[in-house]
Amino acid sequence: DDGELYLYYTAAGDESADDLNYTQRIA
């Protein structure tokens, strides 16, 4: 958009957790 990039993605898993999980949020 007018030279600016926006990459929307799914942040899968809580990066603060030790184990793999399936929390999902839009980033």
mmCIF file of all heavy atoms, coordinates in Angstrom:
data_MODEL
# 
_entry.id   MODEL 
# 
loop_
_atom_site.group_PDB 
_atom_site.id 
_atom_site.type_symbol 
_atom_site.label_atom_id 
_atom_site.label_alt_id 
_atom_site.label_comp_id 
_atom_site.label_asym_id 
_atom_site.label_entity_id 
_atom_site.label_seq_id 
_atom_site.pdbx_PDB_ins_code 
_atom_site.Cartn_x 
_atom_site.Cartn_y 
_atom_site.Cartn_z 
_atom_site.occupancy 
_atom_site.B_iso_or_equiv 
_atom_site.pdbx_formal_charge 
_atom_site.auth_seq_id 
_atom_site.auth_comp_id 
_atom_site.auth_asym_id 
_atom_site.auth_atom_id 
_atom_site.pdbx_PDB_model_num 
ATOM 1   N N   . ASP A 1 1  ? 0.835  -1.187  0.000  1.00 0.00 ? 1  ASP A N   1 
ATOM 2   C CA  . ASP A 1 1  ? 0.000  0.000   0.000  1.00 0.00 ? 1  ASP A CA  1 
ATOM 3   C C   . ASP A 1 1  ? 0.881  1.251   0.000  1.00 0.00 ? 1  ASP A C   1 
ATOM 4   O O   . ASP A 1 1  ? 1.486  1.599   1.016  1.00 0.00 ? 1  ASP A O   1 
ATOM 5   C CB  . ASP A 1 1  ? -0.904 -0.007  1.238  1.00 0.00 ? 1  ASP A CB  1 
ATOM 6   C CG  . ASP A 1 1  ? -1.949 1.080   1.208  1.00 0.00 ? 1  ASP A CG  1 
ATOM 7   O OD1 . ASP A 1 1  ? -2.449 1.408   0.120  1.00 0.00 ? 1  ASP A OD1 1 
ATOM 8   O OD2 . ASP A 1 1  ? -2.270 1.606   2.293  1.00 0.00 ? 1  ASP A OD2 1 
ATOM 9   N N   . ASP A 1 2  ? 0.961  1.899   -1.165 1.00 0.00 ? 2  ASP A N   1 
ATOM 10  C CA  . ASP A 1 2  ? 1.785  3.111   -1.300 1.00 0.00 ? 2  ASP A CA  1 
ATOM 11  C C   . ASP A 1 2  ? 3.212  2.875   -0.824 1.00 0.00 ? 2  ASP A C   1 
ATOM 12  O O   . ASP A 1 2  ? 3.798  3.697   -0.097 1.00 0.00 ? 2  ASP A O   1 
ATOM 13  C CB  . ASP A 1 2  ? 1.159  4.275   -0.522 1.00 0.00 ? 2  ASP A CB  1 
ATOM 14  C CG  . ASP A 1 2  ? -0.116 4.782   -1.175 1.00 0.00 ? 2  ASP A CG  1 
ATOM 15  O OD1 . ASP A 1 2  ? -0.244 4.639   -2.408 1.00 0.00 ? 2  ASP A OD1 1 
ATOM 16  O OD2 . ASP A 1 2  ? -0.988 5.295   -0.453 1.00 0.00 ? 2  ASP A OD2 1 
ATOM 17  N N   . GLY A 1 3  ? 3.773  1.747   -1.216 1.00 0.00 ? 3  GLY A N   1 
ATOM 18  C CA  . GLY A 1 3  ? 5.150  1.435   -0.874 1.00 0.00 ? 3  GLY A CA  1 
ATOM 19  C C   . GLY A 1 3  ? 5.335  0.785   0.481  1.00 0.00 ? 3  GLY A C   1 
ATOM 20  O O   . GLY A 1 3  ? 6.443  0.324   0.804  1.00 0.00 ? 3  GLY A O   1 
ATOM 21  N N   . GLU A 1 4  ? 4.260  0.717   1.290  1.00 0.00 ? 4  GLU A N   1 
ATOM 22  C CA  . GLU A 1 4  ? 4.343  0.094   2.610  1.00 0.00 ? 4  GLU A CA  1 
ATOM 23  C C   . GLU A 1 4  ? 3.873  -1.354  2.525  1.00 0.00 ? 4  GLU A C   1 
ATOM 24  O O   . GLU A 1 4  ? 2.902  -1.661  1.823  1.00 0.00 ? 4  GLU A O   1 
ATOM 25  C CB  . GLU A 1 4  ? 3.480  0.853   3.615  1.00 0.00 ? 4  GLU A CB  1 
ATOM 26  C CG  . GLU A 1 4  ? 3.891  2.297   3.836  1.00 0.00 ? 4  GLU A CG  1 
ATOM 27  C CD  . GLU A 1 4  ? 5.226  2.411   4.536  1.00 0.00 ? 4  GLU A CD  1 
ATOM 28  O OE1 . GLU A 1 4  ? 5.542  1.548   5.381  1.00 0.00 ? 4  GLU A OE1 1 
ATOM 29  O OE2 . GLU A 1 4  ? 5.979  3.365   4.231  1.00 0.00 ? 4  GLU A OE2 1 
ATOM 30  N N   . LEU A 1 5  ? 4.550  -2.230  3.268  1.00 0.00 ? 5  LEU A N   1 
ATOM 31  C CA  . LEU A 1 5  ? 4.203  -3.652  3.297  1.00 0.00 ? 5  LEU A CA  1 
ATOM 32  C C   . LEU A 1 5  ? 3.517  -3.992  4.609  1.00 0.00 ? 5  LEU A C   1 
ATOM 33  O O   . LEU A 1 5  ? 3.958  -3.581  5.698  1.00 0.00 ? 5  LEU A O   1 
ATOM 34  C CB  . LEU A 1 5  ? 5.467  -4.509  3.174  1.00 0.00 ? 5  LEU A CB  1 
ATOM 35  C CG  . LEU A 1 5  ? 6.007  -4.786  1.777  1.00 0.00 ? 5  LEU A CG  1 
ATOM 36  C CD1 . LEU A 1 5  ? 7.358  -5.488  1.892  1.00 0.00 ? 5  LEU A CD1 1 
ATOM 37  C CD2 . LEU A 1 5  ? 5.046  -5.631  0.980  1.00 0.00 ? 5  LEU A CD2 1 
ATOM 38  N N   . TYR A 1 6  ? 2.440  -4.749  4.503  1.00 0.00 ? 6  TYR A N   1 
ATOM 39  C CA  . TYR A 1 6  ? 1.741  -5.279  5.673  1.00 0.00 ? 6  TYR A CA  1 
ATOM 40  C C   . TYR A 1 6  ? 1.544  -6.774  5.422  1.00 0.00 ? 6  TYR A C   1 
ATOM 41  O O   . TYR A 1 6  ? 0.822  -7.147  4.490  1.00 0.00 ? 6  TYR A O   1 
ATOM 42  C CB  . TYR A 1 6  ? 0.391  -4.594  5.878  1.00 0.00 ? 6  TYR A CB  1 
ATOM 43  C CG  . TYR A 1 6  ? 0.504  -3.101  6.082  1.00 0.00 ? 6  TYR A CG  1 
ATOM 44  C CD1 . TYR A 1 6  ? 0.492  -2.236  4.983  1.00 0.00 ? 6  TYR A CD1 1 
ATOM 45  C CD2 . TYR A 1 6  ? 0.631  -2.559  7.357  1.00 0.00 ? 6  TYR A CD2 1 
ATOM 46  C CE1 . TYR A 1 6  ? 0.593  -0.868  5.153  1.00 0.00 ? 6  TYR A CE1 1 
ATOM 47  C CE2 . TYR A 1 6  ? 0.735  -1.183  7.536  1.00 0.00 ? 6  TYR A CE2 1 
ATOM 48  C CZ  . TYR A 1 6  ? 0.724  -0.342  6.430  1.00 0.00 ? 6  TYR A CZ  1 
ATOM 49  O OH  . TYR A 1 6  ? 0.829  1.019   6.605  1.00 0.00 ? 6  TYR A OH  1 
ATOM 50  N N   . LEU A 1 7  ? 2.172  -7.581  6.228  1.00 0.00 ? 7  LEU A N   1 
ATOM 51  C CA  . LEU A 1 7  ? 2.041  -9.033  6.074  1.00 0.00 ? 7  LEU A CA  1 
ATOM 52  C C   . LEU A 1 7  ? 1.225  -9.568  7.245  1.00 0.00 ? 7  LEU A C   1 
ATOM 53  O O   . LEU A 1 7  ? 1.709  -9.650  8.382  1.00 0.00 ? 7  LEU A O   1 
ATOM 54  C CB  . LEU A 1 7  ? 3.416  -9.691  6.011  1.00 0.00 ? 7  LEU A CB  1 
ATOM 55  C CG  . LEU A 1 7  ? 3.447  -11.182 5.719  1.00 0.00 ? 7  LEU A CG  1 
ATOM 56  C CD1 . LEU A 1 7  ? 2.621  -11.522 4.476  1.00 0.00 ? 7  LEU A CD1 1 
ATOM 57  C CD2 . LEU A 1 7  ? 4.868  -11.666 5.528  1.00 0.00 ? 7  LEU A CD2 1 
ATOM 58  N N   . TYR A 1 8  ? -0.039 -9.892  6.963  1.00 0.00 ? 8  TYR A N   1 
ATOM 59  C CA  . TYR A 1 8  ? -0.938 -10.443 7.973  1.00 0.00 ? 8  TYR A CA  1 
ATOM 60  C C   . TYR A 1 8  ? -0.716 -11.947 8.061  1.00 0.00 ? 8  TYR A C   1 
ATOM 61  O O   . TYR A 1 8  ? -0.606 -12.631 7.037  1.00 0.00 ? 8  TYR A O   1 
ATOM 62  C CB  . TYR A 1 8  ? -2.389 -10.150 7.604  1.00 0.00 ? 8  TYR A CB  1 
ATOM 63  C CG  . TYR A 1 8  ? -2.686 -8.675  7.468  1.00 0.00 ? 8  TYR A CG  1 
ATOM 64  C CD1 . TYR A 1 8  ? -2.686 -8.060  6.214  1.00 0.00 ? 8  TYR A CD1 1 
ATOM 65  C CD2 . TYR A 1 8  ? -2.951 -7.892  8.580  1.00 0.00 ? 8  TYR A CD2 1 
ATOM 66  C CE1 . TYR A 1 8  ? -2.943 -6.702  6.078  1.00 0.00 ? 8  TYR A CE1 1 
ATOM 67  C CE2 . TYR A 1 8  ? -3.211 -6.531  8.456  1.00 0.00 ? 8  TYR A CE2 1 
ATOM 68  C CZ  . TYR A 1 8  ? -3.199 -5.939  7.205  1.00 0.00 ? 8  TYR A CZ  1 
ATOM 69  O OH  . TYR A 1 8  ? -3.447 -4.591  7.083  1.00 0.00 ? 8  TYR A OH  1 
ATOM 70  N N   . TYR A 1 9  ? -0.662 -12.467 9.276  1.00 0.00 ? 9  TYR A N   1 
ATOM 71  C CA  . TYR A 1 9  ? -0.409 -13.888 9.441  1.00 0.00 ? 9  TYR A CA  1 
ATOM 72  C C   . TYR A 1 9  ? -1.050 -14.407 10.724 1.00 0.00 ? 9  TYR A C   1 
ATOM 73  O O   . TYR A 1 9  ? -1.506 -13.621 11.573 1.00 0.00 ? 9  TYR A O   1 
ATOM 74  C CB  . TYR A 1 9  ? 1.097  -14.186 9.432  1.00 0.00 ? 9  TYR A CB  1 
ATOM 75  C CG  . TYR A 1 9  ? 1.891  -13.575 10.569 1.00 0.00 ? 9  TYR A CG  1 
ATOM 76  C CD1 . TYR A 1 9  ? 2.150  -14.290 11.745 1.00 0.00 ? 9  TYR A CD1 1 
ATOM 77  C CD2 . TYR A 1 9  ? 2.427  -12.287 10.472 1.00 0.00 ? 9  TYR A CD2 1 
ATOM 78  C CE1 . TYR A 1 9  ? 2.900  -13.741 12.774 1.00 0.00 ? 9  TYR A CE1 1 
ATOM 79  C CE2 . TYR A 1 9  ? 3.180  -11.726 11.489 1.00 0.00 ? 9  TYR A CE2 1 
ATOM 80  C CZ  . TYR A 1 9  ? 3.404  -12.455 12.651 1.00 0.00 ? 9  TYR A CZ  1 
ATOM 81  O OH  . TYR A 1 9  ? 4.140  -11.904 13.678 1.00 0.00 ? 9  TYR A OH  1 
ATOM 82  N N   . THR A 1 10 ? -1.110 -15.708 10.852 1.00 0.00 ? 10 THR A N   1 
ATOM 83  C CA  . THR A 1 10 ? -1.606 -16.359 12.055 1.00 0.00 ? 10 THR A CA  1 
ATOM 84  C C   . THR A 1 10 ? -0.433 -16.664 12.966 1.00 0.00 ? 10 THR A C   1 
ATOM 85  O O   . THR A 1 10 ? 0.482  -17.400 12.575 1.00 0.00 ? 10 THR A O   1 
ATOM 86  C CB  . THR A 1 10 ? -2.338 -17.666 11.711 1.00 0.00 ? 10 THR A CB  1 
ATOM 87  O OG1 . THR A 1 10 ? -3.352 -17.406 10.743 1.00 0.00 ? 10 THR A OG1 1 
ATOM 88  C CG2 . THR A 1 10 ? -2.949 -18.284 12.958 1.00 0.00 ? 10 THR A CG2 1 
ATOM 89  N N   . ALA A 1 11 ? -0.431 -16.084 14.158 1.00 0.00 ? 11 ALA A N   1 
ATOM 90  C CA  . ALA A 1 11 ? 0.569  -16.424 15.162 1.00 0.00 ? 11 ALA A CA  1 
ATOM 91  C C   . ALA A 1 11 ? 0.074  -17.682 15.873 1.00 0.00 ? 11 ALA A C   1 
ATOM 92  O O   . ALA A 1 11 ? -0.839 -17.624 16.699 1.00 0.00 ? 11 ALA A O   1 
ATOM 93  C CB  . ALA A 1 11 ? 0.763  -15.278 16.142 1.00 0.00 ? 11 ALA A CB  1 
ATOM 94  N N   . ALA A 1 12 ? 0.653  -18.814 15.528 1.00 0.00 ? 12 ALA A N   1 
ATOM 95  C CA  . ALA A 1 12 ? 0.200  -20.110 16.041 1.00 0.00 ? 12 ALA A CA  1 
ATOM 96  C C   . ALA A 1 12 ? 1.088  -20.529 17.203 1.00 0.00 ? 12 ALA A C   1 
ATOM 97  O O   . ALA A 1 12 ? 2.313  -20.619 17.060 1.00 0.00 ? 12 ALA A O   1 
ATOM 98  C CB  . ALA A 1 12 ? 0.241  -21.157 14.940 1.00 0.00 ? 12 ALA A CB  1 
ATOM 99  N N   . GLY A 1 13 ? 0.473  -20.787 18.335 1.00 0.00 ? 13 GLY A N   1 
ATOM 100 C CA  . GLY A 1 13 ? 1.220  -21.190 19.516 1.00 0.00 ? 13 GLY A CA  1 
ATOM 101 C C   . GLY A 1 13 ? 1.689  -19.990 20.317 1.00 0.00 ? 13 GLY A C   1 
ATOM 102 O O   . GLY A 1 13 ? 1.987  -18.923 19.776 1.00 0.00 ? 13 GLY A O   1 
ATOM 103 N N   . ASP A 1 14 ? 1.758  -20.182 21.619 1.00 0.00 ? 14 ASP A N   1 
ATOM 104 C CA  . ASP A 1 14 ? 2.218  -19.140 22.542 1.00 0.00 ? 14 ASP A CA  1 
ATOM 105 C C   . ASP A 1 14 ? 3.736  -19.216 22.631 1.00 0.00 ? 14 ASP A C   1 
ATOM 106 O O   . ASP A 1 14 ? 4.291  -20.195 23.139 1.00 0.00 ? 14 ASP A O   1 
ATOM 107 C CB  . ASP A 1 14 ? 1.573  -19.366 23.910 1.00 0.00 ? 14 ASP A CB  1 
ATOM 108 C CG  . ASP A 1 14 ? 2.004  -18.338 24.938 1.00 0.00 ? 14 ASP A CG  1 
ATOM 109 O OD1 . ASP A 1 14 ? 2.847  -17.471 24.614 1.00 0.00 ? 14 ASP A OD1 1 
ATOM 110 O OD2 . ASP A 1 14 ? 1.501  -18.406 26.077 1.00 0.00 ? 14 ASP A OD2 1 
ATOM 111 N N   . GLU A 1 15 ? 4.406  -18.186 22.130 1.00 0.00 ? 15 GLU A N   1 
ATOM 112 C CA  . GLU A 1 15 ? 5.871  -18.223 22.088 1.00 0.00 ? 15 GLU A CA  1 
ATOM 113 C C   . GLU A 1 15 ? 6.517  -18.237 23.468 1.00 0.00 ? 15 GLU A C   1 
ATOM 114 O O   . GLU A 1 15 ? 7.704  -18.544 23.600 1.00 0.00 ? 15 GLU A O   1 
ATOM 115 C CB  . GLU A 1 15 ? 6.405  -17.045 21.273 1.00 0.00 ? 15 GLU A CB  1 
ATOM 116 C CG  . GLU A 1 15 ? 6.046  -15.674 21.789 1.00 0.00 ? 15 GLU A CG  1 
ATOM 117 C CD  . GLU A 1 15 ? 4.767  -15.122 21.176 1.00 0.00 ? 15 GLU A CD  1 
ATOM 118 O OE1 . GLU A 1 15 ? 3.909  -15.925 20.774 1.00 0.00 ? 15 GLU A OE1 1 
ATOM 119 O OE2 . GLU A 1 15 ? 4.638  -13.886 21.113 1.00 0.00 ? 15 GLU A OE2 1 
ATOM 120 N N   . SER A 1 16 ? 5.748  -17.894 24.521 1.00 0.00 ? 16 SER A N   1 
ATOM 121 C CA  . SER A 1 16 ? 6.306  -17.932 25.872 1.00 0.00 ? 16 SER A CA  1 
ATOM 122 C C   . SER A 1 16 ? 6.195  -19.311 26.518 1.00 0.00 ? 16 SER A C   1 
ATOM 123 O O   . SER A 1 16 ? 6.756  -19.532 27.601 1.00 0.00 ? 16 SER A O   1 
ATOM 124 C CB  . SER A 1 16 ? 5.596  -16.901 26.757 1.00 0.00 ? 16 SER A CB  1 
ATOM 125 O OG  . SER A 1 16 ? 4.225  -17.257 26.950 1.00 0.00 ? 16 SER A OG  1 
ATOM 126 N N   . ALA A 1 17 ? 5.489  -20.241 25.879 1.00 0.00 ? 17 ALA A N   1 
ATOM 127 C CA  . ALA A 1 17 ? 5.299  -21.582 26.443 1.00 0.00 ? 17 ALA A CA  1 
ATOM 128 C C   . ALA A 1 17 ? 6.466  -22.495 26.085 1.00 0.00 ? 17 ALA A C   1 
ATOM 129 O O   . ALA A 1 17 ? 7.101  -22.339 25.036 1.00 0.00 ? 17 ALA A O   1 
ATOM 130 C CB  . ALA A 1 17 ? 3.991  -22.178 25.937 1.00 0.00 ? 17 ALA A CB  1 
ATOM 131 N N   . ASP A 1 18 ? 6.738  -23.451 26.950 1.00 0.00 ? 18 ASP A N   1 
ATOM 132 C CA  . ASP A 1 18 ? 7.816  -24.402 26.701 1.00 0.00 ? 18 ASP A CA  1 
ATOM 133 C C   . ASP A 1 18 ? 7.397  -25.477 25.711 1.00 0.00 ? 18 ASP A C   1 
ATOM 134 O O   . ASP A 1 18 ? 8.217  -25.947 24.918 1.00 0.00 ? 18 ASP A O   1 
ATOM 135 C CB  . ASP A 1 18 ? 8.257  -25.060 28.015 1.00 0.00 ? 18 ASP A CB  1 
ATOM 136 C CG  . ASP A 1 18 ? 8.908  -24.071 28.976 1.00 0.00 ? 18 ASP A CG  1 
ATOM 137 O OD1 . ASP A 1 18 ? 9.524  -23.095 28.481 1.00 0.00 ? 18 ASP A OD1 1 
ATOM 138 O OD2 . ASP A 1 18 ? 8.782  -24.263 30.201 1.00 0.00 ? 18 ASP A OD2 1 
ATOM 139 N N   . ASP A 1 19 ? 6.131  -25.875 25.759 1.00 0.00 ? 19 ASP A N   1 
ATOM 140 C CA  . ASP A 1 19 ? 5.653  -26.958 24.903 1.00 0.00 ? 19 ASP A CA  1 
ATOM 141 C C   . ASP A 1 19 ? 4.870  -26.404 23.712 1.00 0.00 ? 19 ASP A C   1 
ATOM 142 O O   . ASP A 1 19 ? 4.257  -25.328 23.783 1.00 0.00 ? 19 ASP A O   1 
ATOM 143 C CB  . ASP A 1 19 ? 4.756  -27.916 25.702 1.00 0.00 ? 19 ASP A CB  1 
ATOM 144 C CG  . ASP A 1 19 ? 5.510  -28.595 26.843 1.00 0.00 ? 19 ASP A CG  1 
ATOM 145 O OD1 . ASP A 1 19 ? 6.709  -28.888 26.658 1.00 0.00 ? 19 ASP A OD1 1 
ATOM 146 O OD2 . ASP A 1 19 ? 4.883  -28.798 27.901 1.00 0.00 ? 19 ASP A OD2 1 
ATOM 147 N N   . LEU A 1 20 ? 4.858  -27.174 22.643 1.00 0.00 ? 20 LEU A N   1 
ATOM 148 C CA  . LEU A 1 20 ? 4.099  -26.795 21.455 1.00 0.00 ? 20 LEU A CA  1 
ATOM 149 C C   . LEU A 1 20 ? 2.617  -26.741 21.789 1.00 0.00 ? 20 LEU A C   1 
ATOM 150 O O   . LEU A 1 20 ? 2.080  -27.656 22.410 1.00 0.00 ? 20 LEU A O   1 
ATOM 151 C CB  . LEU A 1 20 ? 4.355  -27.813 20.342 1.00 0.00 ? 20 LEU A CB  1 
ATOM 152 C CG  . LEU A 1 20 ? 3.830  -27.454 18.958 1.00 0.00 ? 20 LEU A CG  1 
ATOM 153 C CD1 . LEU A 1 20 ? 4.704  -26.378 18.327 1.00 0.00 ? 20 LEU A CD1 1 
ATOM 154 C CD2 . LEU A 1 20 ? 3.817  -28.692 18.060 1.00 0.00 ? 20 LEU A CD2 1 
ATOM 155 N N   . ASN A 1 21 ? 1.942  -25.655 21.395 1.00 0.00 ? 21 ASN A N   1 
ATOM 156 C CA  . ASN A 1 21 ? 0.507  -25.564 21.627 1.00 0.00 ? 21 ASN A CA  1 
ATOM 157 C C   . ASN A 1 21 ? -0.157 -24.918 20.418 1.00 0.00 ? 21 ASN A C   1 
ATOM 158 O O   . ASN A 1 21 ? 0.501  -24.514 19.466 1.00 0.00 ? 21 ASN A O   1 
ATOM 159 C CB  . ASN A 1 21 ? 0.199  -24.820 22.934 1.00 0.00 ? 21 ASN A CB  1 
ATOM 160 C CG  . ASN A 1 21 ? 0.711  -23.393 22.929 1.00 0.00 ? 21 ASN A CG  1 
ATOM 161 O OD1 . ASN A 1 21 ? 0.244  -22.553 22.150 1.00 0.00 ? 21 ASN A OD1 1 
ATOM 162 N ND2 . ASN A 1 21 ? 1.682  -23.089 23.784 1.00 0.00 ? 21 ASN A ND2 1 
ATOM 163 N N   . TYR A 1 22 ? -1.486 -24.819 20.480 1.00 0.00 ? 22 TYR A N   1 
ATOM 164 C CA  . TYR A 1 22 ? -2.265 -24.432 19.300 1.00 0.00 ? 22 TYR A CA  1 
ATOM 165 C C   . TYR A 1 22 ? -3.080 -23.162 19.516 1.00 0.00 ? 22 TYR A C   1 
ATOM 166 O O   . TYR A 1 22 ? -4.061 -22.928 18.826 1.00 0.00 ? 22 TYR A O   1 
ATOM 167 C CB  . TYR A 1 22 ? -3.150 -25.608 18.868 1.00 0.00 ? 22 TYR A CB  1 
ATOM 168 C CG  . TYR A 1 22 ? -2.327 -26.774 18.395 1.00 0.00 ? 22 TYR A CG  1 
ATOM 169 C CD1 . TYR A 1 22 ? -1.857 -27.732 19.297 1.00 0.00 ? 22 TYR A CD1 1 
ATOM 170 C CD2 . TYR A 1 22 ? -1.964 -26.884 17.066 1.00 0.00 ? 22 TYR A CD2 1 
ATOM 171 C CE1 . TYR A 1 22 ? -1.061 -28.785 18.862 1.00 0.00 ? 22 TYR A CE1 1 
ATOM 172 C CE2 . TYR A 1 22 ? -1.172 -27.932 16.624 1.00 0.00 ? 22 TYR A CE2 1 
ATOM 173 C CZ  . TYR A 1 22 ? -0.726 -28.874 17.528 1.00 0.00 ? 22 TYR A CZ  1 
ATOM 174 O OH  . TYR A 1 22 ? 0.077  -29.910 17.096 1.00 0.00 ? 22 TYR A OH  1 
ATOM 175 N N   . THR A 1 23 ? -2.658 -22.333 20.469 1.00 0.00 ? 23 THR A N   1 
ATOM 176 C CA  . THR A 1 23 ? -3.250 -21.012 20.600 1.00 0.00 ? 23 THR A CA  1 
ATOM 177 C C   . THR A 1 23 ? -3.108 -20.270 19.278 1.00 0.00 ? 23 THR A C   1 
ATOM 178 O O   . THR A 1 23 ? -2.095 -20.381 18.591 1.00 0.00 ? 23 THR A O   1 
ATOM 179 C CB  . THR A 1 23 ? -2.543 -20.229 21.721 1.00 0.00 ? 23 THR A CB  1 
ATOM 180 O OG1 . THR A 1 23 ? -2.768 -20.890 22.962 1.00 0.00 ? 23 THR A OG1 1 
ATOM 181 C CG2 . THR A 1 23 ? -3.051 -18.808 21.805 1.00 0.00 ? 23 THR A CG2 1 
ATOM 182 N N   . GLN A 1 24 ? -4.131 -19.491 18.912 1.00 0.00 ? 24 GLN A N   1 
ATOM 183 C CA  . GLN A 1 24 ? -4.091 -18.773 17.639 1.00 0.00 ? 24 GLN A CA  1 
ATOM 184 C C   . GLN A 1 24 ? -4.560 -17.338 17.822 1.00 0.00 ? 24 GLN A C   1 
ATOM 185 O O   . GLN A 1 24 ? -5.546 -17.085 18.499 1.00 0.00 ? 24 GLN A O   1 
ATOM 186 C CB  . GLN A 1 24 ? -4.983 -19.480 16.601 1.00 0.00 ? 24 GLN A CB  1 
ATOM 187 C CG  . GLN A 1 24 ? -4.530 -20.875 16.255 1.00 0.00 ? 24 GLN A CG  1 
ATOM 188 C CD  . GLN A 1 24 ? -5.607 -21.687 15.567 1.00 0.00 ? 24 GLN A CD  1 
ATOM 189 O OE1 . GLN A 1 24 ? -6.329 -21.173 14.718 1.00 0.00 ? 24 GLN A OE1 1 
ATOM 190 N NE2 . GLN A 1 24 ? -5.728 -22.954 15.937 1.00 0.00 ? 24 GLN A NE2 1 
ATOM 191 N N   . ARG A 1 25 ? -3.843 -16.427 17.200 1.00 0.00 ? 25 ARG A N   1 
ATOM 192 C CA  . ARG A 1 25 ? -4.252 -15.026 17.156 1.00 0.00 ? 25 ARG A CA  1 
ATOM 193 C C   . ARG A 1 25 ? -3.778 -14.445 15.828 1.00 0.00 ? 25 ARG A C   1 
ATOM 194 O O   . ARG A 1 25 ? -2.894 -14.996 15.172 1.00 0.00 ? 25 ARG A O   1 
ATOM 195 C CB  . ARG A 1 25 ? -3.684 -14.254 18.339 1.00 0.00 ? 25 ARG A CB  1 
ATOM 196 C CG  . ARG A 1 25 ? -2.171 -14.195 18.409 1.00 0.00 ? 25 ARG A CG  1 
ATOM 197 C CD  . ARG A 1 25 ? -1.747 -13.763 19.825 1.00 0.00 ? 25 ARG A CD  1 
ATOM 198 N NE  . ARG A 1 25 ? -0.343 -13.394 19.918 1.00 0.00 ? 25 ARG A NE  1 
ATOM 199 C CZ  . ARG A 1 25 ? 0.654  -14.254 20.094 1.00 0.00 ? 25 ARG A CZ  1 
ATOM 200 N NH1 . ARG A 1 25 ? 0.401  -15.564 20.162 1.00 0.00 ? 25 ARG A NH1 1 
ATOM 201 N NH2 . ARG A 1 25 ? 1.895  -13.830 20.209 1.00 0.00 ? 25 ARG A NH2 1 
ATOM 202 N N   . ILE A 1 26 ? -4.390 -13.348 15.437 1.00 0.00 ? 26 ILE A N   1 
ATOM 203 C CA  . ILE A 1 26 ? -4.079 -12.746 14.147 1.00 0.00 ? 26 ILE A CA  1 
ATOM 204 C C   . ILE A 1 26 ? -3.099 -11.603 14.365 1.00 0.00 ? 26 ILE A C   1 
ATOM 205 O O   . ILE A 1 26 ? -3.319 -10.723 15.213 1.00 0.00 ? 26 ILE A O   1 
ATOM 206 C CB  . ILE A 1 26 ? -5.363 -12.278 13.454 1.00 0.00 ? 26 ILE A CB  1 
ATOM 207 C CG1 . ILE A 1 26 ? -6.191 -13.517 13.060 1.00 0.00 ? 26 ILE A CG1 1 
ATOM 208 C CG2 . ILE A 1 26 ? -5.054 -11.432 12.226 1.00 0.00 ? 26 ILE A CG2 1 
ATOM 209 C CD1 . ILE A 1 26 ? -7.555 -13.208 12.518 1.00 0.00 ? 26 ILE A CD1 1 
ATOM 210 N N   . ALA A 1 27 ? -2.017 -11.636 13.611 1.00 0.00 ? 27 ALA A N   1 
ATOM 211 C CA  . ALA A 1 27 ? -0.929 -10.689 13.790 1.00 0.00 ? 27 ALA A CA  1 
ATOM 212 C C   . ALA A 1 27 ? -0.574 -10.038 12.461 1.00 0.00 ? 27 ALA A C   1 
ATOM 213 O O   . ALA A 1 27 ? -1.023 -10.464 11.388 1.00 0.00 ? 27 ALA A O   1 
ATOM 214 C CB  . ALA A 1 27 ? 0.292  -11.404 14.376 1.00 0.00 ? 27 ALA A CB  1 
# 
